[in-house]
Amino acid sequence: MKTILIAATFFMVWACGPESSPEGRSKIRDRNLQEQLDSLKTENIQMKKEILLIKEKLKMPVK
């Protein structure tokens, strides 16, 4: 009986992870979205730098 109680308690603790609640899932989703947004910002900055370099090589006026 004691073993069953311990196993049931372990299962309940294991089942209550961050993915098991709507709030936990939304936090995981928000974290993933923030990481994607940060990555896009970094890419955008790099693309702007590359465009400026291309404009300089072509001697185009920079706005």
C-alpha atoms as a PDB file:
ATOM      1  CA  MET A   1       0.000   0.000   0.000  1.00  0.00           C
ATOM      2  CA  LYS A   2       2.830   2.345   0.885  1.00  0.00           C
ATOM      3  CA  THR A   3       4.485   1.666  -2.470  1.00  0.00           C
ATOM      4  CA  ILE A   4       1.265   2.479  -4.332  1.00  0.00           C
ATOM      5  CA  LEU A   5       0.918   5.750  -2.419  1.00  0.00           C
ATOM      6  CA  ILE A   6       4.510   6.742  -3.206  1.00  0.00           C
ATOM      7  CA  ALA A   7       4.056   5.810  -6.875  1.00  0.00           C
ATOM      8  CA  ALA A   8       0.807   7.803  -7.079  1.00  0.00           C
ATOM      9  CA  THR A   9       2.459  10.833  -5.465  1.00  0.00           C
ATOM     10  CA  PHE A  10       5.399  10.598  -7.861  1.00  0.00           C
ATOM     11  CA  PHE A  11       3.029  10.380 -10.832  1.00  0.00           C
ATOM     12  CA  MET A  12       1.043  13.413  -9.658  1.00  0.00           C
ATOM     13  CA  VAL A  13       4.208  15.490  -9.247  1.00  0.00           C
ATOM     14  CA  TRP A  14       5.476  14.369 -12.647  1.00  0.00           C
ATOM     15  CA  ALA A  15       2.134  15.129 -14.336  1.00  0.00           C
ATOM     16  CA  CYS A  16       2.069  18.700 -13.023  1.00  0.00           C
ATOM     17  CA  GLY A  17       4.844  20.038 -15.246  1.00  0.00           C
ATOM     18  CA  PRO A  18       4.792  23.439 -16.939  1.00  0.00           C
ATOM     19  CA  GLU A  19       3.167  21.957 -20.059  1.00  0.00           C
ATOM     20  CA  SER A  20       0.168  20.675 -18.114  1.00  0.00           C
ATOM     21  CA  SER A  21      -1.500  24.012 -17.393  1.00  0.00           C
ATOM     22  CA  PRO A  22      -2.705  26.702 -19.800  1.00  0.00           C
ATOM     23  CA  GLU A  23      -0.559  29.275 -17.989  1.00  0.00           C
ATOM     24  CA  GLY A  24       2.520  27.077 -18.290  1.00  0.00           C
ATOM     25  CA  ARG A  25       1.909  26.475 -21.981  1.00  0.00           C
ATOM     26  CA  SER A  26       1.399  30.197 -22.618  1.00  0.00           C
ATOM     27  CA  LYS A  27       4.674  31.011 -20.840  1.00  0.00           C
ATOM     28  CA  ILE A  28       6.508  28.455 -22.989  1.00  0.00           C
ATOM     29  CA  ARG A  29       4.845  29.862 -26.127  1.00  0.00           C
ATOM     30  CA  ASP A  30       5.729  33.445 -25.118  1.00  0.00           C
ATOM     31  CA  ARG A  31       9.347  32.459 -24.463  1.00  0.00           C
ATOM     32  CA  ASN A  32       9.582  30.805 -27.901  1.00  0.00           C
ATOM     33  CA  LEU A  33       8.022  33.824 -29.590  1.00  0.00           C
ATOM     34  CA  GLN A  34      10.438  36.173 -27.818  1.00  0.00           C
ATOM     35  CA  GLU A  35      13.408  34.083 -28.960  1.00  0.00           C
ATOM     36  CA  GLN A  36      12.132  34.199 -32.551  1.00  0.00           C
ATOM     37  CA  LEU A  37      11.598  37.960 -32.325  1.00  0.00           C
ATOM     38  CA  ASP A  38      15.114  38.497 -30.975  1.00  0.00           C
ATOM     39  CA  SER A  39      16.502  36.404 -33.819  1.00  0.00           C
ATOM     40  CA  LEU A  40      14.586  38.442 -36.405  1.00  0.00           C
ATOM     41  CA  LYS A  41      15.837  41.698 -34.868  1.00  0.00           C
ATOM     42  CA  THR A  42      19.414  40.466 -35.119  1.00  0.00           C
ATOM     43  CA  GLU A  43      18.899  39.420 -38.741  1.00  0.00           C
ATOM     44  CA  ASN A  44      17.345  42.805 -39.529  1.00  0.00           C
ATOM     45  CA  ILE A  45      20.305  44.684 -38.073  1.00  0.00           C
ATOM     46  CA  GLN A  46      22.740  42.541 -40.059  1.00  0.00           C
ATOM     47  CA  MET A  47      20.788  43.067 -43.289  1.00  0.00           C
ATOM     48  CA  LYS A  48      20.790  46.843 -42.754  1.00  0.00           C
ATOM     49  CA  LYS A  49      24.575  46.780 -42.327  1.00  0.00           C
ATOM     50  CA  GLU A  50      24.981  44.729 -45.497  1.00  0.00           C
ATOM     51  CA  ILE A  51      22.711  47.072 -47.480  1.00  0.00           C
ATOM     52  CA  LEU A  52      24.765  50.055 -46.317  1.00  0.00           C
ATOM     53  CA  LEU A  53      27.951  48.309 -47.451  1.00  0.00           C
ATOM     54  CA  ILE A  54      26.438  47.565 -50.860  1.00  0.00           C
ATOM     55  CA  LYS A  55      25.288  51.178 -51.230  1.00  0.00           C
ATOM     56  CA  GLU A  56      28.764  52.424 -50.354  1.00  0.00           C
ATOM     57  CA  LYS A  57      30.334  50.127 -52.938  1.00  0.00           C
ATOM     58  CA  LEU A  58      27.847  51.317 -55.554  1.00  0.00           C
ATOM     59  CA  LYS A  59      28.324  54.928 -54.367  1.00  0.00           C
ATOM     60  CA  MET A  60      24.641  55.456 -53.935  1.00  0.00           C
ATOM     61  CA  PRO A  61      23.369  58.178 -51.637  1.00  0.00           C
ATOM     62  CA  VAL A  62      22.478  56.833 -48.220  1.00  0.00           C
ATOM     63  CA  LYS A  63      19.136  57.882 -46.757  1.00  0.00           C
END
